[in-house]
N, C-alpha and C. Protein backbone atom coordinates (compact mmCIF):
# COMPACT_ATOMS: atom_id res chain seq x y z
N MET A 1 -19.39 6.95 -7.60
CA MET A 1 -18.16 7.22 -6.80
C MET A 1 -18.28 6.69 -5.39
N ASP A 2 -19.48 6.65 -4.82
CA ASP A 2 -19.68 6.10 -3.45
C ASP A 2 -19.45 4.52 -3.47
N GLN A 3 -19.74 3.91 -4.61
CA GLN A 3 -19.60 2.46 -4.69
C GLN A 3 -18.02 2.19 -4.74
N ILE A 4 -17.28 2.99 -5.44
CA ILE A 4 -15.87 2.85 -5.49
C ILE A 4 -15.18 3.03 -4.17
N LYS A 5 -15.68 4.03 -3.41
CA LYS A 5 -15.09 4.35 -2.08
C LYS A 5 -15.46 3.11 -1.09
N SER A 6 -16.69 2.59 -1.28
CA SER A 6 -17.11 1.41 -0.43
C SER A 6 -16.18 0.32 -0.74
N LEU A 7 -16.00 -0.01 -2.02
CA LEU A 7 -15.17 -1.18 -2.40
C LEU A 7 -13.68 -1.02 -1.98
N ALA A 8 -13.24 0.23 -2.03
CA ALA A 8 -11.80 0.52 -1.57
C ALA A 8 -11.70 0.26 -0.18
N ARG A 9 -12.76 0.74 0.56
CA ARG A 9 -12.78 0.44 2.02
C ARG A 9 -12.67 -1.04 2.37
N GLU A 10 -13.48 -1.80 1.65
CA GLU A 10 -13.36 -3.29 1.86
C GLU A 10 -12.10 -3.91 1.56
N VAL A 11 -11.52 -3.44 0.48
CA VAL A 11 -10.20 -4.07 0.07
C VAL A 11 -9.13 -3.69 1.11
N LEU A 12 -9.14 -2.43 1.55
CA LEU A 12 -8.18 -2.06 2.60
C LEU A 12 -8.40 -2.83 3.93
N ALA A 13 -9.69 -3.00 4.25
CA ALA A 13 -9.93 -3.82 5.51
C ALA A 13 -9.37 -5.22 5.37
N ILE A 14 -9.49 -5.80 4.26
CA ILE A 14 -9.04 -7.16 4.01
C ILE A 14 -7.43 -7.14 4.07
N HIS A 15 -6.88 -6.16 3.44
CA HIS A 15 -5.43 -6.00 3.48
C HIS A 15 -4.96 -5.92 4.82
N ARG A 16 -5.58 -5.10 5.69
CA ARG A 16 -5.10 -4.93 7.07
C ARG A 16 -5.29 -6.20 7.88
N GLU A 17 -6.33 -6.92 7.58
CA GLU A 17 -6.53 -8.22 8.27
C GLU A 17 -5.41 -9.23 7.88
N VAL A 18 -5.15 -9.30 6.66
CA VAL A 18 -4.05 -10.21 6.12
C VAL A 18 -2.68 -9.68 6.80
N ASP A 19 -2.45 -8.43 6.89
CA ASP A 19 -1.29 -7.89 7.49
C ASP A 19 -1.12 -8.34 8.90
N GLU A 20 -2.24 -8.20 9.66
CA GLU A 20 -2.26 -8.65 11.08
C GLU A 20 -1.97 -10.15 11.18
N TRP A 21 -2.58 -10.99 10.21
CA TRP A 21 -2.31 -12.47 10.22
C TRP A 21 -0.79 -12.69 9.98
N ARG A 22 -0.24 -11.85 9.12
CA ARG A 22 1.19 -12.11 8.80
C ARG A 22 2.02 -11.96 10.04
N ASN A 23 1.66 -11.02 10.87
CA ASN A 23 2.49 -10.82 12.03
C ASN A 23 2.20 -11.84 13.15
N ASP A 24 1.04 -12.45 13.09
CA ASP A 24 0.70 -13.48 14.19
C ASP A 24 0.99 -14.94 13.70
N TYR A 25 0.91 -15.16 12.38
CA TYR A 25 0.88 -16.57 11.97
C TYR A 25 1.52 -16.59 10.56
N ASP A 26 2.57 -17.40 10.41
CA ASP A 26 3.15 -17.58 9.08
C ASP A 26 3.50 -19.05 8.89
N PRO A 27 2.66 -19.73 8.26
CA PRO A 27 2.98 -21.28 8.08
C PRO A 27 4.18 -21.50 7.08
N GLY A 28 4.57 -20.45 6.36
CA GLY A 28 5.63 -20.58 5.44
C GLY A 28 5.28 -21.30 4.11
N SER A 29 3.97 -21.45 3.91
CA SER A 29 3.55 -22.09 2.64
C SER A 29 3.52 -21.16 1.47
N GLN A 30 3.51 -21.62 0.21
CA GLN A 30 3.47 -20.80 -0.90
C GLN A 30 2.12 -20.10 -0.98
N GLU A 31 1.08 -20.76 -0.52
CA GLU A 31 -0.25 -20.11 -0.50
C GLU A 31 -0.31 -18.97 0.34
N TRP A 32 0.37 -19.09 1.48
CA TRP A 32 0.41 -17.90 2.55
C TRP A 32 1.11 -16.73 1.84
N TYR A 33 2.26 -16.97 1.19
CA TYR A 33 2.96 -15.86 0.55
C TYR A 33 2.15 -15.24 -0.55
N THR A 34 1.41 -16.06 -1.24
CA THR A 34 0.57 -15.55 -2.24
C THR A 34 -0.54 -14.68 -1.74
N LEU A 35 -1.18 -15.13 -0.66
CA LEU A 35 -2.18 -14.33 -0.01
C LEU A 35 -1.72 -12.99 0.50
N VAL A 36 -0.51 -12.94 1.19
CA VAL A 36 0.09 -11.78 1.63
C VAL A 36 0.38 -10.86 0.52
N ASN A 37 1.00 -11.35 -0.59
CA ASN A 37 1.30 -10.60 -1.77
C ASN A 37 0.04 -9.98 -2.37
N LEU A 38 -0.99 -10.79 -2.49
CA LEU A 38 -2.23 -10.28 -3.00
C LEU A 38 -2.80 -9.11 -2.23
N GLY A 39 -2.71 -9.17 -0.89
CA GLY A 39 -3.23 -8.14 -0.08
C GLY A 39 -2.40 -6.83 -0.31
N GLU A 40 -1.03 -6.96 -0.41
CA GLU A 40 -0.22 -5.80 -0.58
C GLU A 40 -0.55 -5.14 -1.97
N VAL A 41 -0.66 -6.01 -3.00
CA VAL A 41 -0.89 -5.45 -4.34
C VAL A 41 -2.30 -4.79 -4.43
N ALA A 42 -3.29 -5.37 -3.77
CA ALA A 42 -4.63 -4.81 -3.67
C ALA A 42 -4.60 -3.43 -3.05
N ALA A 43 -3.88 -3.34 -1.91
CA ALA A 43 -3.79 -2.04 -1.29
C ALA A 43 -3.06 -0.98 -2.16
N ARG A 44 -1.99 -1.40 -2.76
CA ARG A 44 -1.34 -0.42 -3.70
C ARG A 44 -2.21 -0.03 -4.84
N LEU A 45 -2.99 -0.93 -5.38
CA LEU A 45 -3.94 -0.53 -6.44
C LEU A 45 -5.04 0.48 -5.95
N VAL A 46 -5.49 0.23 -4.74
CA VAL A 46 -6.45 1.24 -4.14
C VAL A 46 -5.74 2.60 -4.01
N PHE A 47 -4.60 2.69 -3.45
CA PHE A 47 -3.92 4.03 -3.40
C PHE A 47 -3.47 4.57 -4.67
N ALA A 48 -3.51 3.84 -5.81
CA ALA A 48 -3.32 4.37 -7.11
C ALA A 48 -4.43 5.11 -7.67
N LEU A 49 -5.58 5.01 -6.99
CA LEU A 49 -6.77 5.62 -7.45
C LEU A 49 -6.65 7.13 -7.21
N PRO A 50 -7.30 7.87 -8.09
CA PRO A 50 -7.31 9.46 -7.79
C PRO A 50 -7.82 9.66 -6.31
N VAL A 51 -7.38 10.67 -5.71
CA VAL A 51 -7.63 10.93 -4.37
C VAL A 51 -9.11 11.14 -4.15
N GLU A 52 -9.85 11.61 -5.14
CA GLU A 52 -11.26 11.85 -5.06
C GLU A 52 -12.05 10.43 -4.79
N MET A 53 -11.39 9.39 -5.19
CA MET A 53 -12.06 8.06 -5.13
C MET A 53 -11.78 7.39 -3.82
N LEU A 54 -10.78 7.91 -2.99
CA LEU A 54 -10.46 7.21 -1.77
C LEU A 54 -11.44 7.55 -0.63
N PRO A 55 -11.68 6.54 0.20
CA PRO A 55 -12.55 6.92 1.32
C PRO A 55 -11.90 7.98 2.17
N GLU A 56 -12.72 8.87 2.77
CA GLU A 56 -12.26 9.98 3.51
C GLU A 56 -11.21 9.63 4.65
N GLU A 57 -11.52 8.46 5.29
CA GLU A 57 -10.64 8.08 6.36
C GLU A 57 -9.27 7.61 5.92
N GLU A 58 -9.13 7.43 4.57
CA GLU A 58 -7.84 7.02 4.11
C GLU A 58 -6.99 8.23 3.61
N LEU A 59 -7.63 9.39 3.55
CA LEU A 59 -6.84 10.58 3.18
C LEU A 59 -5.95 11.03 4.28
N ARG A 60 -4.60 11.32 3.95
CA ARG A 60 -3.75 11.79 4.98
C ARG A 60 -2.69 12.63 4.26
N THR A 61 -2.02 13.39 5.04
CA THR A 61 -0.83 14.09 4.52
C THR A 61 0.42 13.33 4.90
N PRO A 62 1.24 13.09 3.90
CA PRO A 62 2.44 12.37 4.22
C PRO A 62 3.31 13.17 5.24
N ASN A 63 4.00 12.46 6.09
CA ASN A 63 4.83 13.12 7.05
C ASN A 63 6.19 13.51 6.37
N PRO A 64 6.89 14.47 6.98
CA PRO A 64 8.18 14.97 6.36
C PRO A 64 9.13 13.91 6.08
N ARG A 65 9.21 12.84 6.94
CA ARG A 65 10.23 11.73 6.70
C ARG A 65 9.94 11.02 5.33
N GLU A 66 8.61 10.89 4.98
CA GLU A 66 8.28 10.23 3.73
C GLU A 66 8.76 11.01 2.60
N TYR A 67 8.65 12.32 2.66
CA TYR A 67 9.23 13.24 1.58
C TYR A 67 10.78 13.07 1.49
N GLU A 68 11.41 13.02 2.73
CA GLU A 68 12.86 12.84 2.79
C GLU A 68 13.23 11.61 2.10
N ALA A 69 12.60 10.52 2.45
CA ALA A 69 12.86 9.19 1.84
C ALA A 69 12.80 9.17 0.32
N LEU A 70 11.74 9.86 -0.19
CA LEU A 70 11.55 10.00 -1.58
C LEU A 70 12.64 10.74 -2.21
N ASP A 71 13.10 11.89 -1.57
CA ASP A 71 14.15 12.71 -2.12
C ASP A 71 15.43 11.84 -2.17
N GLU A 72 15.68 11.10 -1.15
CA GLU A 72 16.91 10.25 -1.07
C GLU A 72 16.90 9.20 -2.19
N LEU A 73 15.77 8.58 -2.40
CA LEU A 73 15.62 7.59 -3.45
C LEU A 73 15.84 8.21 -4.82
N MET A 74 15.21 9.48 -5.00
CA MET A 74 15.38 10.03 -6.34
C MET A 74 16.83 10.46 -6.63
N ALA A 75 17.47 10.91 -5.57
CA ALA A 75 18.86 11.39 -5.65
C ALA A 75 19.78 10.10 -6.01
N ALA A 76 19.50 8.93 -5.29
CA ALA A 76 20.27 7.72 -5.61
C ALA A 76 19.99 7.21 -6.99
N LEU A 77 18.77 7.33 -7.46
CA LEU A 77 18.46 6.93 -8.82
C LEU A 77 19.18 7.80 -9.81
N ASP A 78 19.18 9.08 -9.56
CA ASP A 78 19.80 10.05 -10.44
C ASP A 78 21.26 9.85 -10.58
N GLU A 79 21.82 9.58 -9.39
CA GLU A 79 23.31 9.24 -9.36
C GLU A 79 23.63 7.96 -10.05
N ALA A 80 22.75 6.91 -9.89
CA ALA A 80 23.07 5.67 -10.65
C ALA A 80 22.97 5.85 -12.13
N GLY A 81 22.00 6.75 -12.60
CA GLY A 81 21.77 6.96 -13.99
C GLY A 81 22.93 7.77 -14.60
N ASN A 82 23.64 8.49 -13.82
CA ASN A 82 24.69 9.38 -14.34
C ASN A 82 26.11 8.65 -14.41
N ARG A 83 26.10 7.38 -13.90
CA ARG A 83 27.41 6.66 -13.93
C ARG A 83 27.75 6.13 -15.31
């Protein structure tokens, strides 16, 4: 489990580095967009792990606005499905 946490920590560090680069530098190349997308997908994959596998510094309680946004999304999907 410690190895998984360590690897998750490394992936998230790389994701954050790519995210910073995206804000500072965007050459507009296909390779750049691939790198940014890879960073985002890798971070989502890490956060799909069971909470026990996440590094302690990544554990957090979602803020109320995140719950509200999820409720709004679910209501919109429900409404769209009932049309």
